[in-house]
């Protein structure tokens, strides 16, 4: 991978690539039927995106992910935010 590509992403988002890779790894290895894991990932994504997530919104996102099990529709979740 091109290091300058990652530097540009860090500059635009303000998120260190180590955190992005850690999140990607957590998502890849997550059990999306485990409510605790799902909540942890939702909170981490919100923190990295610097988006406030109300308790109600967190409940909606978690319920949507748990309902869909292994298939995760990021566009649906993005629309909720």
PDB file of N, CA and C in Angstrom:
ATOM      1  N   UNK A   1       0.844  -1.188   0.000  1.00  0.00           N
ATOM      2  CA  UNK A   1       0.000   0.000   0.000  1.00  0.00           C
ATOM      3  C   UNK A   1       0.885   1.246   0.000  1.00  0.00           C
ATOM      4  N   UNK A   2       0.358   2.283  -0.547  1.00  0.00           N
ATOM      5  CA  UNK A   2       1.072   3.545  -0.678  1.00  0.00           C
ATOM      6  C   UNK A   2       0.925   4.377   0.598  1.00  0.00           C
ATOM      7  N   UNK A   3       2.027   4.639   1.304  1.00  0.00           N
ATOM      8  CA  UNK A   3       1.940   5.409   2.562  1.00  0.00           C
ATOM      9  C   UNK A   3       1.362   6.816   2.379  1.00  0.00           C
ATOM     10  N   UNK A   4       1.619   7.444   1.239  1.00  0.00           N
ATOM     11  CA  UNK A   4       1.090   8.795   1.023  1.00  0.00           C
ATOM     12  C   UNK A   4      -0.434   8.768   0.908  1.00  0.00           C
ATOM     13  N   UNK A   5      -0.970   7.677   0.393  1.00  0.00           N
ATOM     14  CA  UNK A   5      -2.421   7.513   0.306  1.00  0.00           C
ATOM     15  C   UNK A   5      -3.029   7.556   1.705  1.00  0.00           C
ATOM     16  N   UNK A   6      -2.408   6.842   2.634  1.00  0.00           N
ATOM     17  CA  UNK A   6      -2.909   6.817   4.003  1.00  0.00           C
ATOM     18  C   UNK A   6      -2.732   8.158   4.697  1.00  0.00           C
ATOM     19  N   UNK A   7      -1.633   8.842   4.411  1.00  0.00           N
ATOM     20  CA  UNK A   7      -1.429  10.176   4.989  1.00  0.00           C
ATOM     21  C   UNK A   7      -2.521  11.134   4.528  1.00  0.00           C
ATOM     22  N   UNK A   8      -2.901  11.045   3.271  1.00  0.00           N
ATOM     23  CA  UNK A   8      -3.966  11.922   2.754  1.00  0.00           C
ATOM     24  C   UNK A   8      -5.297  11.618   3.443  1.00  0.00           C
ATOM     25  N   UNK A   9      -5.576  10.360   3.659  1.00  0.00           N
ATOM     26  CA  UNK A   9      -6.810   9.983   4.360  1.00  0.00           C
ATOM     27  C   UNK A   9      -6.784  10.534   5.783  1.00  0.00           C
ATOM     28  N   UNK A  10      -5.655  10.384   6.459  1.00  0.00           N
ATOM     29  CA  UNK A  10      -5.536  10.914   7.824  1.00  0.00           C
ATOM     30  C   UNK A  10      -5.739  12.420   7.852  1.00  0.00           C
ATOM     31  N   UNK A  11      -5.157  13.120   6.888  1.00  0.00           N
ATOM     32  CA  UNK A  11      -5.301  14.578   6.835  1.00  0.00           C
ATOM     33  C   UNK A  11      -6.746  14.989   6.606  1.00  0.00           C
ATOM     34  N   UNK A  12      -7.442  14.278   5.727  1.00  0.00           N
ATOM     35  CA  UNK A  12      -8.823  14.643   5.410  1.00  0.00           C
ATOM     36  C   UNK A  12      -9.789  14.290   6.530  1.00  0.00           C
ATOM     37  N   UNK A  13      -9.548  13.168   7.196  1.00  0.00           N
ATOM     38  CA  UNK A  13     -10.499  12.716   8.212  1.00  0.00           C
ATOM     39  C   UNK A  13     -10.090  13.078   9.624  1.00  0.00           C
ATOM     40  N   UNK A  14      -8.790  13.268   9.839  1.00  0.00           N
ATOM     41  CA  UNK A  14      -8.302  13.517  11.186  1.00  0.00           C
ATOM     42  C   UNK A  14      -8.247  12.260  12.033  1.00  0.00           C
ATOM     43  N   UNK A  15      -8.437  11.107  11.402  1.00  0.00           N
ATOM     44  CA  UNK A  15      -8.431   9.827  12.109  1.00  0.00           C
ATOM     45  C   UNK A  15      -7.154   9.075  11.751  1.00  0.00           C
ATOM     46  N   UNK A  16      -6.349   8.712  12.759  1.00  0.00           N
ATOM     47  CA  UNK A  16      -5.132   7.941  12.481  1.00  0.00           C
ATOM     48  C   UNK A  16      -5.477   6.589  11.835  1.00  0.00           C
ATOM     49  N   UNK A  17      -4.676   6.195  10.878  1.00  0.00           N
ATOM     50  CA  UNK A  17      -4.948   4.951  10.164  1.00  0.00           C
ATOM     51  C   UNK A  17      -4.903   3.741  11.087  1.00  0.00           C
ATOM     52  N   UNK A  18      -4.120   3.810  12.160  1.00  0.00           N
ATOM     53  CA  UNK A  18      -4.085   2.696  13.108  1.00  0.00           C
ATOM     54  C   UNK A  18      -5.482   2.445  13.680  1.00  0.00           C
ATOM     55  N   UNK A  19      -6.214   3.532  13.953  1.00  0.00           N
ATOM     56  CA  UNK A  19      -7.566   3.397  14.495  1.00  0.00           C
ATOM     57  C   UNK A  19      -8.517   2.832  13.445  1.00  0.00           C
ATOM     58  N   UNK A  20      -8.348   3.257  12.204  1.00  0.00           N
ATOM     59  CA  UNK A  20      -9.194   2.739  11.121  1.00  0.00           C
ATOM     60  C   UNK A  20      -8.940   1.242  10.945  1.00  0.00           C
ATOM     61  N   UNK A  21      -7.670   0.843  10.948  1.00  0.00           N
ATOM     62  CA  UNK A  21      -7.340  -0.576  10.803  1.00  0.00           C
ATOM     63  C   UNK A  21      -7.851  -1.388  11.992  1.00  0.00           C
ATOM     64  N   UNK A  22      -7.754  -0.829  13.191  1.00  0.00           N
ATOM     65  CA  UNK A  22      -8.253  -1.524  14.378  1.00  0.00           C
ATOM     66  C   UNK A  22      -9.761  -1.719  14.280  1.00  0.00           C
ATOM     67  N   UNK A  23     -10.459  -0.690  13.799  1.00  0.00           N
ATOM     68  CA  UNK A  23     -11.906  -0.801  13.635  1.00  0.00           C
ATOM     69  C   UNK A  23     -12.242  -1.837  12.567  1.00  0.00           C
ATOM     70  N   UNK A  24     -11.532  -1.798  11.451  1.00  0.00           N
ATOM     71  CA  UNK A  24     -11.778  -2.767  10.376  1.00  0.00           C
ATOM     72  C   UNK A  24     -11.552  -4.187  10.876  1.00  0.00           C
ATOM     73  N   UNK A  25     -10.521  -4.383  11.675  1.00  0.00           N
ATOM     74  CA  UNK A  25     -10.244  -5.699  12.233  1.00  0.00           C
ATOM     75  C   UNK A  25     -11.354  -6.127  13.189  1.00  0.00           C
ATOM     76  N   UNK A  26     -11.826  -5.189  14.017  1.00  0.00           N
ATOM     77  CA  UNK A  26     -12.912  -5.505  14.955  1.00  0.00           C
ATOM     78  C   UNK A  26     -14.178  -5.884  14.207  1.00  0.00           C
ATOM     79  N   UNK A  27     -14.462  -5.163  13.131  1.00  0.00           N
ATOM     80  CA  UNK A  27     -15.665  -5.454  12.340  1.00  0.00           C
ATOM     81  C   UNK A  27     -15.536  -6.806  11.649  1.00  0.00           C
ATOM     82  N   UNK A  28     -14.358  -7.073  11.109  1.00  0.00           N
ATOM     83  CA  UNK A  28     -14.137  -8.324  10.390  1.00  0.00           C
ATOM     84  C   UNK A  28     -14.305  -9.534  11.297  1.00  0.00           C
ATOM     85  N   UNK A  29     -13.890  -9.404  12.550  1.00  0.00           N
ATOM     86  CA  UNK A  29     -13.928 -10.532  13.475  1.00  0.00           C
ATOM     87  C   UNK A  29     -15.133 -10.505  14.415  1.00  0.00           C
ATOM     88  N   UNK A  30     -16.042  -9.578  14.223  1.00  0.00           N
ATOM     89  CA  UNK A  30     -17.167  -9.421  15.150  1.00  0.00           C
ATOM     90  C   UNK A  30     -18.267 -10.445  14.902  1.00  0.00           C
ATOM     91  N   UNK A  31     -18.939 -10.768  15.973  1.00  0.00           N
ATOM     92  CA  UNK A  31     -20.150 -11.595  15.920  1.00  0.00           C
ATOM     93  C   UNK A  31     -21.323 -10.620  15.970  1.00  0.00           C
ATOM     94  N   UNK A  32     -21.951 -10.396  14.830  1.00  0.00           N
ATOM     95  CA  UNK A  32     -23.008  -9.400  14.745  1.00  0.00           C
ATOM     96  C   UNK A  32     -24.333  -9.893  15.324  1.00  0.00           C
ATOM     97  N   UNK A  33     -24.275 -10.994  16.035  1.00  0.00           N
ATOM     98  CA  UNK A  33     -25.437 -11.443  16.782  1.00  0.00           C
ATOM     99  C   UNK A  33     -25.206 -11.267  18.281  1.00  0.00           C
ATOM    100  N   UNK A  34     -24.032 -10.762  18.647  1.00  0.00           N
ATOM    101  CA  UNK A  34     -23.680 -10.487  20.043  1.00  0.00           C
ATOM    102  C   UNK A  34     -23.921  -9.001  20.300  1.00  0.00           C
ATOM    103  N   UNK A  35     -24.950  -8.705  21.075  1.00  0.00           N
ATOM    104  CA  UNK A  35     -25.355  -7.319  21.299  1.00  0.00           C
ATOM    105  C   UNK A  35     -24.232  -6.468  21.898  1.00  0.00           C
ATOM    106  N   UNK A  36     -23.474  -7.017  22.814  1.00  0.00           N
ATOM    107  CA  UNK A  36     -22.376  -6.242  23.422  1.00  0.00           C
ATOM    108  C   UNK A  36     -21.323  -5.851  22.398  1.00  0.00           C
ATOM    109  N   UNK A  37     -20.967  -6.779  21.520  1.00  0.00           N
ATOM    110  CA  UNK A  37     -19.988  -6.471  20.478  1.00  0.00           C
ATOM    111  C   UNK A  37     -20.525  -5.420  19.518  1.00  0.00           C
ATOM    112  N   UNK A  38     -21.783  -5.564  19.154  1.00  0.00           N
ATOM    113  CA  UNK A  38     -22.395  -4.612  18.230  1.00  0.00           C
ATOM    114  C   UNK A  38     -22.410  -3.213  18.842  1.00  0.00           C
ATOM    115  N   UNK A  39     -22.808  -3.097  20.087  1.00  0.00           N
ATOM    116  CA  UNK A  39     -22.824  -1.791  20.759  1.00  0.00           C
ATOM    117  C   UNK A  39     -21.429  -1.174  20.808  1.00  0.00           C
ATOM    118  N   UNK A  40     -20.446  -1.990  21.112  1.00  0.00           N
ATOM    119  CA  UNK A  40     -19.073  -1.506  21.183  1.00  0.00           C
ATOM    120  C   UNK A  40     -18.622  -0.956  19.832  1.00  0.00           C
ATOM    121  N   UNK A  41     -18.946  -1.660  18.767  1.00  0.00           N
ATOM    122  CA  UNK A  41     -18.562  -1.213  17.426  1.00  0.00           C
ATOM    123  C   UNK A  41     -19.316   0.057  17.046  1.00  0.00           C
ATOM    124  N   UNK A  42     -20.602   0.127  17.344  1.00  0.00           N
ATOM    125  CA  UNK A  42     -21.395   1.318  17.032  1.00  0.00           C
ATOM    126  C   UNK A  42     -20.797   2.534  17.737  1.00  0.00           C
ATOM    127  N   UNK A  43     -20.447   2.373  18.995  1.00  0.00           N
ATOM    128  CA  UNK A  43     -19.859   3.490  19.756  1.00  0.00           C
ATOM    129  C   UNK A  43     -18.494   3.896  19.197  1.00  0.00           C
ATOM    130  N   UNK A  44     -17.707   2.907  18.805  1.00  0.00           N
ATOM    131  CA  UNK A  44     -16.382   3.205  18.259  1.00  0.00           C
ATOM    132  C   UNK A  44     -16.494   3.933  16.921  1.00  0.00           C
ATOM    133  N   UNK A  45     -17.414   3.487  16.076  1.00  0.00           N
ATOM    134  CA  UNK A  45     -17.616   4.160  14.787  1.00  0.00           C
ATOM    135  C   UNK A  45     -18.072   5.598  15.006  1.00  0.00           C
ATOM    136  N   UNK A  46     -18.994   5.796  15.917  1.00  0.00           N
ATOM    137  CA  UNK A  46     -19.487   7.145  16.209  1.00  0.00           C
ATOM    138  C   UNK A  46     -18.354   8.032  16.701  1.00  0.00           C
ATOM    139  N   UNK A  47     -17.510   7.478  17.560  1.00  0.00           N
ATOM    140  CA  UNK A  47     -16.391   8.249  18.096  1.00  0.00           C
ATOM    141  C   UNK A  47     -15.410   8.619  16.989  1.00  0.00           C
ATOM    142  N   UNK A  48     -15.056   7.653  16.147  1.00  0.00           N
ATOM    143  CA  UNK A  48     -14.119   7.921  15.055  1.00  0.00           C
ATOM    144  C   UNK A  48     -14.690   8.917  14.052  1.00  0.00           C
ATOM    145  N   UNK A  49     -15.996   8.819  13.815  1.00  0.00           N
ATOM    146  CA  UNK A  49     -16.643   9.724  12.864  1.00  0.00           C
ATOM    147  C   UNK A  49     -16.954  11.071  13.494  1.00  0.00           C
ATOM    148  N   UNK A  50     -16.747  11.164  14.795  1.00  0.00           N
ATOM    149  CA  UNK A  50     -17.056  12.384  15.539  1.00  0.00           C
ATOM    150  C   UNK A  50     -18.528  12.777  15.364  1.00  0.00           C
ATOM    151  N   UNK A  51     -19.384  11.753  15.426  1.00  0.00           N
ATOM    152  CA  UNK A  51     -20.822  11.946  15.293  1.00  0.00           C
ATOM    153  C   UNK A  51     -21.482  11.573  16.620  1.00  0.00           C
ATOM    154  N   UNK A  52     -22.237  12.494  17.189  1.00  0.00           N
ATOM    155  CA  UNK A  52     -22.951  12.134  18.421  1.00  0.00           C
ATOM    156  C   UNK A  52     -24.076  11.149  18.107  1.00  0.00           C
ATOM    157  N   UNK A  53     -24.167  10.118  18.925  1.00  0.00           N
ATOM    158  CA  UNK A  53     -25.214   9.115  18.753  1.00  0.00           C
ATOM    159  C   UNK A  53     -26.024   9.082  20.039  1.00  0.00           C
ATOM    160  N   UNK A  54     -27.286   9.453  19.922  1.00  0.00           N
ATOM    161  CA  UNK A  54     -28.159   9.412  21.090  1.00  0.00           C
ATOM    162  C   UNK A  54     -28.423   7.963  21.481  1.00  0.00           C
ATOM    163  N   UNK A  55     -28.894   7.775  22.686  1.00  0.00           N
ATOM    164  CA  UNK A  55     -29.229   6.424  23.150  1.00  0.00           C
ATOM    165  C   UNK A  55     -30.292   5.803  22.247  1.00  0.00           C
ATOM    166  N   UNK A  56     -31.272   6.620  21.831  1.00  0.00           N
ATOM    167  CA  UNK A  56     -32.341   6.119  20.960  1.00  0.00           C
ATOM    168  C   UNK A  56     -31.779   5.673  19.606  1.00  0.00           C
ATOM    169  N   UNK A  57     -30.875   6.484  19.045  1.00  0.00           N
ATOM    170  CA  UNK A  57     -30.285   6.136  17.757  1.00  0.00           C
ATOM    171  C   UNK A  57     -29.420   4.891  17.887  1.00  0.00           C
ATOM    172  N   UNK A  58     -28.674   4.800  18.974  1.00  0.00           N
ATOM    173  CA  UNK A  58     -27.871   3.604  19.203  1.00  0.00           C
ATOM    174  C   UNK A  58     -28.765   2.371  19.262  1.00  0.00           C
ATOM    175  N   UNK A  59     -29.898   2.487  19.947  1.00  0.00           N
ATOM    176  CA  UNK A  59     -30.839   1.368  20.032  1.00  0.00           C
ATOM    177  C   UNK A  59     -31.326   0.950  18.644  1.00  0.00           C
ATOM    178  N   UNK A  60     -31.666   1.935  17.810  1.00  0.00           N
ATOM    179  CA  UNK A  60     -32.146   1.644  16.451  1.00  0.00           C
ATOM    180  C   UNK A  60     -31.068   0.946  15.622  1.00  0.00           C
ATOM    181  N   UNK A  61     -29.849   1.456  15.702  1.00  0.00           N
ATOM    182  CA  UNK A  61     -28.756   0.868  14.922  1.00  0.00           C
ATOM    183  C   UNK A  61     -28.468  -0.551  15.387  1.00  0.00           C
ATOM    184  N   UNK A  62     -28.359  -0.731  16.695  1.00  0.00           N
ATOM    185  CA  UNK A  62     -28.083  -2.058  17.247  1.00  0.00           C
ATOM    186  C   UNK A  62     -29.203  -3.030  16.871  1.00  0.00           C
ATOM    187  N   UNK A  63     -30.443  -2.608  17.006  1.00  0.00           N
ATOM    188  CA  UNK A  63     -31.571  -3.483  16.663  1.00  0.00           C
ATOM    189  C   UNK A  63     -31.528  -3.863  15.185  1.00  0.00           C
ATOM    190  N   UNK A  64     -31.199  -2.916  14.332  1.00  0.00           N
ATOM    191  CA  UNK A  64     -31.122  -3.187  12.899  1.00  0.00           C
ATOM    192  C   UNK A  64     -30.026  -4.203  12.589  1.00  0.00           C
ATOM    193  N   UNK A  65     -28.874  -4.029  13.220  1.00  0.00           N
ATOM    194  CA  UNK A  65     -27.762  -4.954  12.981  1.00  0.00           C
ATOM    195  C   UNK A  65     -28.098  -6.341  13.515  1.00  0.00           C
ATOM    196  N   UNK A  66     -28.639  -6.405  14.717  1.00  0.00           N
ATOM    197  CA  UNK A  66     -28.986  -7.700  15.302  1.00  0.00           C
ATOM    198  C   UNK A  66     -30.053  -8.407  14.490  1.00  0.00           C
ATOM    199  N   UNK A  67     -30.987  -7.654  13.953  1.00  0.00           N
ATOM    200  CA  UNK A  67     -32.065  -8.233  13.151  1.00  0.00           C
ATOM    201  C   UNK A  67     -31.520  -8.861  11.873  1.00  0.00           C
ATOM    202  N   UNK A  68     -30.544  -8.183  11.265  1.00  0.00           N
ATOM    203  CA  UNK A  68     -29.997  -8.653   9.999  1.00  0.00           C
ATOM    204  C   UNK A  68     -28.893  -9.678  10.175  1.00  0.00           C
ATOM    205  N   UNK A  69     -28.473  -9.901  11.406  1.00  0.00           N
ATOM    206  CA  UNK A  69     -27.464 -10.918  11.672  1.00  0.00           C
ATOM    207  C   UNK A  69     -26.154 -10.653  10.992  1.00  0.00           C
ATOM    208  N   UNK A  70     -25.768 -11.527  10.078  1.00  0.00           N
ATOM    209  CA  UNK A  70     -24.456 -11.421   9.456  1.00  0.00           C
ATOM    210  C   UNK A  70     -24.404 -10.409   8.326  1.00  0.00           C
ATOM    211  N   UNK A  71     -25.527 -10.088   7.727  1.00  0.00           N
ATOM    212  CA  UNK A  71     -25.487  -9.108   6.637  1.00  0.00           C
ATOM    213  C   UNK A  71     -25.644  -7.718   7.243  1.00  0.00           C
ATOM    214  N   UNK A  72     -24.678  -6.879   6.969  1.00  0.00           N
ATOM    215  CA  UNK A  72     -24.636  -5.548   7.559  1.00  0.00           C
ATOM    216  C   UNK A  72     -24.779  -4.530   6.445  1.00  0.00           C
ATOM    217  N   UNK A  73     -25.849  -3.760   6.484  1.00  0.00           N
ATOM    218  CA  UNK A  73     -26.123  -2.762   5.455  1.00  0.00           C
ATOM    219  C   UNK A  73     -25.657  -1.391   5.943  1.00  0.00           C
ATOM    220  N   UNK A  74     -24.418  -1.037   5.567  1.00  0.00           N
ATOM    221  CA  UNK A  74     -23.843   0.229   6.039  1.00  0.00           C
ATOM    222  C   UNK A  74     -24.607   1.435   5.519  1.00  0.00           C
ATOM    223  N   UNK A  75     -25.179   1.355   4.339  1.00  0.00           N
ATOM    224  CA  UNK A  75     -25.926   2.502   3.809  1.00  0.00           C
ATOM    225  C   UNK A  75     -27.173   2.780   4.642  1.00  0.00           C
ATOM    226  N   UNK A  76     -27.813   1.725   5.114  1.00  0.00           N
ATOM    227  CA  UNK A  76     -28.990   1.896   5.988  1.00  0.00           C
ATOM    228  C   UNK A  76     -28.582   2.534   7.307  1.00  0.00           C
ATOM    229  N   UNK A  77     -27.472   2.078   7.849  1.00  0.00           N
ATOM    230  CA  UNK A  77     -26.988   2.641   9.108  1.00  0.00           C
ATOM    231  C   UNK A  77     -26.572   4.087   8.911  1.00  0.00           C
ATOM    232  N   UNK A  78     -25.912   4.370   7.797  1.00  0.00           N
ATOM    233  CA  UNK A  78     -25.489   5.738   7.510  1.00  0.00           C
ATOM    234  C   UNK A  78     -26.700   6.660   7.413  1.00  0.00           C
ATOM    235  N   UNK A  79     -27.774   6.193   6.816  1.00  0.00           N
ATOM    236  CA  UNK A  79     -28.989   7.002   6.693  1.00  0.00           C
ATOM    237  C   UNK A  79     -29.622   7.282   8.051  1.00  0.00           C
ATOM    238  N   UNK A  80     -29.441   6.380   9.013  1.00  0.00           N
ATOM    239  CA  UNK A  80     -29.963   6.596  10.347  1.00  0.00           C
ATOM    240  C   UNK A  80     -29.247   7.741  11.043  1.00  0.00           C
ATOM    241  N   UNK A  81     -27.971   7.927  10.701  1.00  0.00           N
ATOM    242  CA  UNK A  81     -27.169   8.967  11.331  1.00  0.00           C
ATOM    243  C   UNK A  81     -27.415  10.253  10.604  1.00  0.00           C
TER     244      UNK A  81
END
